PDB file of N, CA and C in Angstrom:
ATOM      1  N   MET A   1     -93.762 -20.583 101.394  1.00  0.00           N
ATOM      2  CA  MET A   1     -93.000 -20.192 102.621  1.00  0.00           C
ATOM      3  C   MET A   1     -92.558 -21.405 103.377  1.00  0.00           C
ATOM      4  N   ASP A   2     -91.443 -21.331 103.928  1.00  0.00           N
ATOM      5  CA  ASP A   2     -90.959 -22.478 104.800  1.00  0.00           C
ATOM      6  C   ASP A   2     -91.941 -22.714 105.971  1.00  0.00           C
ATOM      7  N   ARG A   3     -92.181 -23.982 106.205  1.00  0.00           N
ATOM      8  CA  ARG A   3     -93.220 -24.368 107.195  1.00  0.00           C
ATOM      9  C   ARG A   3     -92.770 -23.897 108.549  1.00  0.00           C
ATOM     10  N   THR A   4     -91.466 -23.971 108.897  1.00  0.00           N
ATOM     11  CA  THR A   4     -91.008 -23.598 110.228  1.00  0.00           C
ATOM     12  C   THR A   4     -91.254 -22.054 110.401  1.00  0.00           C
ATOM     13  N   VAL A   5     -91.033 -21.293 109.435  1.00  0.00           N
ATOM     14  CA  VAL A   5     -91.216 -19.818 109.520  1.00  0.00           C
ATOM     15  C   VAL A   5     -92.696 -19.529 109.812  1.00  0.00           C
ATOM     16  N   THR A   6     -93.552 -20.285 109.033  1.00  0.00           N
ATOM     17  CA  THR A   6     -95.069 -20.107 109.185  1.00  0.00           C
ATOM     18  C   THR A   6     -95.432 -20.390 110.619  1.00  0.00           C
ATOM     19  N   VAL A   7     -94.969 -21.419 111.204  1.00  0.00           N
ATOM     20  CA  VAL A   7     -95.331 -21.814 112.494  1.00  0.00           C
ATOM     21  C   VAL A   7     -94.775 -20.810 113.477  1.00  0.00           C
ATOM     22  N   VAL A   8     -93.581 -20.401 113.390  1.00  0.00           N
ATOM     23  CA  VAL A   8     -92.972 -19.521 114.387  1.00  0.00           C
ATOM     24  C   VAL A   8     -93.726 -18.194 114.371  1.00  0.00           C
ATOM     25  N   LEU A   9     -93.967 -17.653 113.151  1.00  0.00           N
ATOM     26  CA  LEU A   9     -94.663 -16.373 112.992  1.00  0.00           C
ATOM     27  C   LEU A   9     -96.088 -16.437 113.523  1.00  0.00           C
ATOM     28  N   SER A  10     -96.725 -17.584 113.526  1.00  0.00           N
ATOM     29  CA  SER A  10     -98.092 -17.736 114.009  1.00  0.00           C
ATOM     30  C   SER A  10     -98.171 -17.745 115.526  1.00  0.00           C
ATOM     31  N   LEU A  11     -97.002 -17.966 116.238  1.00  0.00           N
ATOM     32  CA  LEU A  11     -97.022 -18.088 117.668  1.00  0.00           C
ATOM     33  C   LEU A  11     -96.946 -16.802 118.450  1.00  0.00           C
ATOM     34  N   GLY A  12     -96.409 -15.712 117.804  1.00  0.00           N
ATOM     35  CA  GLY A  12     -96.145 -14.471 118.643  1.00  0.00           C
ATOM     36  C   GLY A  12     -97.032 -13.364 118.310  1.00  0.00           C
ATOM     37  N   ASP A  13     -96.971 -12.298 119.036  1.00  0.00           N
ATOM     38  CA  ASP A  13     -97.705 -11.069 118.873  1.00  0.00           C
ATOM     39  C   ASP A  13     -96.865 -10.072 118.116  1.00  0.00           C
ATOM     40  N   ARG A  14     -95.513 -10.364 118.154  1.00  0.00           N
ATOM     41  CA  ARG A  14     -94.582  -9.345 117.545  1.00  0.00           C
ATOM     42  C   ARG A  14     -93.459 -10.178 116.936  1.00  0.00           C
ATOM     43  N   ALA A  15     -92.923  -9.654 115.821  1.00  0.00           N
ATOM     44  CA  ALA A  15     -91.817 -10.325 115.198  1.00  0.00           C
ATOM     45  C   ALA A  15     -90.632  -9.261 115.101  1.00  0.00           C
ATOM     46  N   THR A  16     -89.508  -9.802 115.502  1.00  0.00           N
ATOM     47  CA  THR A  16     -88.285  -8.850 115.384  1.00  0.00           C
ATOM     48  C   THR A  16     -87.223  -9.613 114.667  1.00  0.00           C
ATOM     49  N   VAL A  17     -86.636  -9.010 113.647  1.00  0.00           N
ATOM     50  CA  VAL A  17     -85.548  -9.551 112.914  1.00  0.00           C
ATOM     51  C   VAL A  17     -84.332  -8.743 113.079  1.00  0.00           C
ATOM     52  N   LEU A  18     -83.209  -9.382 113.444  1.00  0.00           N
ATOM     53  CA  LEU A  18     -81.927  -8.658 113.678  1.00  0.00           C
ATOM     54  C   LEU A  18     -81.005  -9.059 112.534  1.00  0.00           C
ATOM     55  N   VAL A  19     -80.332  -8.093 111.934  1.00  0.00           N
ATOM     56  CA  VAL A  19     -79.330  -8.360 110.969  1.00  0.00           C
ATOM     57  C   VAL A  19     -78.100  -7.602 111.409  1.00  0.00           C
ATOM     58  N   LYS A  20     -77.000  -8.321 111.550  1.00  0.00           N
ATOM     59  CA  LYS A  20     -75.719  -7.823 112.028  1.00  0.00           C
ATOM     60  C   LYS A  20     -75.941  -6.816 113.162  1.00  0.00           C
ATOM     61  N   ASP A  21     -76.634  -7.322 114.229  1.00  0.00           N
ATOM     62  CA  ASP A  21     -76.857  -6.513 115.468  1.00  0.00           C
ATOM     63  C   ASP A  21     -77.695  -5.287 115.295  1.00  0.00           C
ATOM     64  N   GLN A  22     -78.348  -5.156 114.161  1.00  0.00           N
ATOM     65  CA  GLN A  22     -79.261  -4.030 113.930  1.00  0.00           C
ATOM     66  C   GLN A  22     -80.672  -4.585 113.707  1.00  0.00           C
ATOM     67  N   MET A  23     -81.677  -3.868 114.293  1.00  0.00           N
ATOM     68  CA  MET A  23     -83.054  -4.268 114.077  1.00  0.00           C
ATOM     69  C   MET A  23     -83.493  -3.881 112.614  1.00  0.00           C
ATOM     70  N   ALA A  24     -83.771  -4.955 111.882  1.00  0.00           N
ATOM     71  CA  ALA A  24     -84.126  -4.792 110.437  1.00  0.00           C
ATOM     72  C   ALA A  24     -85.681  -4.741 110.316  1.00  0.00           C
ATOM     73  N   TYR A  25     -86.402  -5.462 111.198  1.00  0.00           N
ATOM     74  CA  TYR A  25     -87.891  -5.465 111.204  1.00  0.00           C
ATOM     75  C   TYR A  25     -88.365  -5.612 112.584  1.00  0.00           C
ATOM     76  N   ASP A  26     -89.383  -4.885 112.964  1.00  0.00           N
ATOM     77  CA  ASP A  26     -89.996  -4.996 114.329  1.00  0.00           C
ATOM     78  C   ASP A  26     -91.427  -4.697 114.102  1.00  0.00           C
ATOM     79  N   GLY A  27     -92.359  -5.665 114.151  1.00  0.00           N
ATOM     80  CA  GLY A  27     -93.756  -5.342 113.997  1.00  0.00           C
ATOM     81  C   GLY A  27     -94.594  -6.595 113.969  1.00  0.00           C
ATOM     82  N   ASP A  28     -95.667  -6.522 113.385  1.00  0.00           N
ATOM     83  CA  ASP A  28     -96.763  -7.505 113.275  1.00  0.00           C
ATOM     84  C   ASP A  28     -96.212  -8.774 112.537  1.00  0.00           C
ATOM     85  N   PRO A  29     -96.267  -9.919 113.135  1.00  0.00           N
ATOM     86  CA  PRO A  29     -95.744 -11.141 112.393  1.00  0.00           C
ATOM     87  C   PRO A  29     -96.669 -11.536 111.152  1.00  0.00           C
ATOM     88  N   THR A  30     -97.932 -11.122 111.183  1.00  0.00           N
ATOM     89  CA  THR A  30     -98.735 -11.326 110.018  1.00  0.00           C
ATOM     90  C   THR A  30     -98.264 -10.559 108.860  1.00  0.00           C
ATOM     91  N   THR A  31     -97.888  -9.286 109.077  1.00  0.00           N
ATOM     92  CA  THR A  31     -97.328  -8.384 107.990  1.00  0.00           C
ATOM     93  C   THR A  31     -96.107  -9.000 107.471  1.00  0.00           C
ATOM     94  N   LEU A  32     -95.242  -9.406 108.373  1.00  0.00           N
ATOM     95  CA  LEU A  32     -94.000 -10.056 107.832  1.00  0.00           C
ATOM     96  C   LEU A  32     -94.312 -11.278 107.058  1.00  0.00           C
ATOM     97  N   ALA A  33     -95.136 -12.124 107.531  1.00  0.00           N
ATOM     98  CA  ALA A  33     -95.441 -13.357 106.821  1.00  0.00           C
ATOM     99  C   ALA A  33     -96.069 -13.212 105.440  1.00  0.00           C
ATOM    100  N   SER A  34     -96.890 -12.123 105.325  1.00  0.00           N
ATOM    101  CA  SER A  34     -97.394 -11.869 104.002  1.00  0.00           C
ATOM    102  C   SER A  34     -96.587 -11.000 102.990  1.00  0.00           C
ATOM    103  N   ASP A  35     -95.532 -10.477 103.471  1.00  0.00           N
ATOM    104  CA  ASP A  35     -94.658  -9.821 102.583  1.00  0.00           C
ATOM    105  C   ASP A  35     -93.427 -10.586 102.117  1.00  0.00           C
ATOM    106  N   HIS A  36     -93.609 -11.137 100.958  1.00  0.00           N
ATOM    107  CA  HIS A  36     -92.597 -12.033 100.385  1.00  0.00           C
ATOM    108  C   HIS A  36     -91.257 -11.401 100.192  1.00  0.00           C
ATOM    109  N   GLU A  37     -91.203 -10.107  99.903  1.00  0.00           N
ATOM    110  CA  GLU A  37     -89.869  -9.453  99.655  1.00  0.00           C
ATOM    111  C   GLU A  37     -89.141  -9.374 101.119  1.00  0.00           C
ATOM    112  N   LEU A  38     -89.873  -9.016 102.136  1.00  0.00           N
ATOM    113  CA  LEU A  38     -89.210  -8.997 103.485  1.00  0.00           C
ATOM    114  C   LEU A  38     -88.754 -10.393 103.891  1.00  0.00           C
ATOM    115  N   LEU A  39     -89.619 -11.395 103.638  1.00  0.00           N
ATOM    116  CA  LEU A  39     -89.183 -12.782 103.957  1.00  0.00           C
ATOM    117  C   LEU A  39     -87.935 -13.157 103.280  1.00  0.00           C
ATOM    118  N   SER A  40     -87.864 -12.859 101.958  1.00  0.00           N
ATOM    119  CA  SER A  40     -86.723 -13.247 101.084  1.00  0.00           C
ATOM    120  C   SER A  40     -85.479 -12.420 101.535  1.00  0.00           C
ATOM    121  N   ARG A  41     -85.578 -11.159 101.890  1.00  0.00           N
ATOM    122  CA  ARG A  41     -84.455 -10.334 102.203  1.00  0.00           C
ATOM    123  C   ARG A  41     -83.913 -10.707 103.593  1.00  0.00           C
ATOM    124  N   TYR A  42     -84.823 -10.869 104.555  1.00  0.00           N
ATOM    125  CA  TYR A  42     -84.340 -11.038 105.977  1.00  0.00           C
ATOM    126  C   TYR A  42     -84.212 -12.500 106.392  1.00  0.00           C
ATOM    127  N   LEU A  43     -85.075 -13.380 105.827  1.00  0.00           N
ATOM    128  CA  LEU A  43     -85.030 -14.762 106.326  1.00  0.00           C
ATOM    129  C   LEU A  43     -84.680 -15.749 105.265  1.00  0.00           C
ATOM    130  N   GLY A  44     -84.449 -15.316 104.044  1.00  0.00           N
ATOM    131  CA  GLY A  44     -83.970 -16.225 102.979  1.00  0.00           C
ATOM    132  C   GLY A  44     -85.011 -17.269 102.605  1.00  0.00           C
ATOM    133  N   VAL A  45     -86.262 -16.867 102.771  1.00  0.00           N
ATOM    134  CA  VAL A  45     -87.354 -17.826 102.461  1.00  0.00           C
ATOM    135  C   VAL A  45     -88.030 -17.414 101.177  1.00  0.00           C
TER     136      VAL A  45
END
């Protein structure tokens, strides 16, 4: 995983990903960080 993404996700209590002005993910940053499919789909990591 990209180091910047790892650091950013470790800082917050909640992660929100917007795609074309729509909420694509809203939840626990640990869950997002551990789900490689979500990271690839939403963050290109």
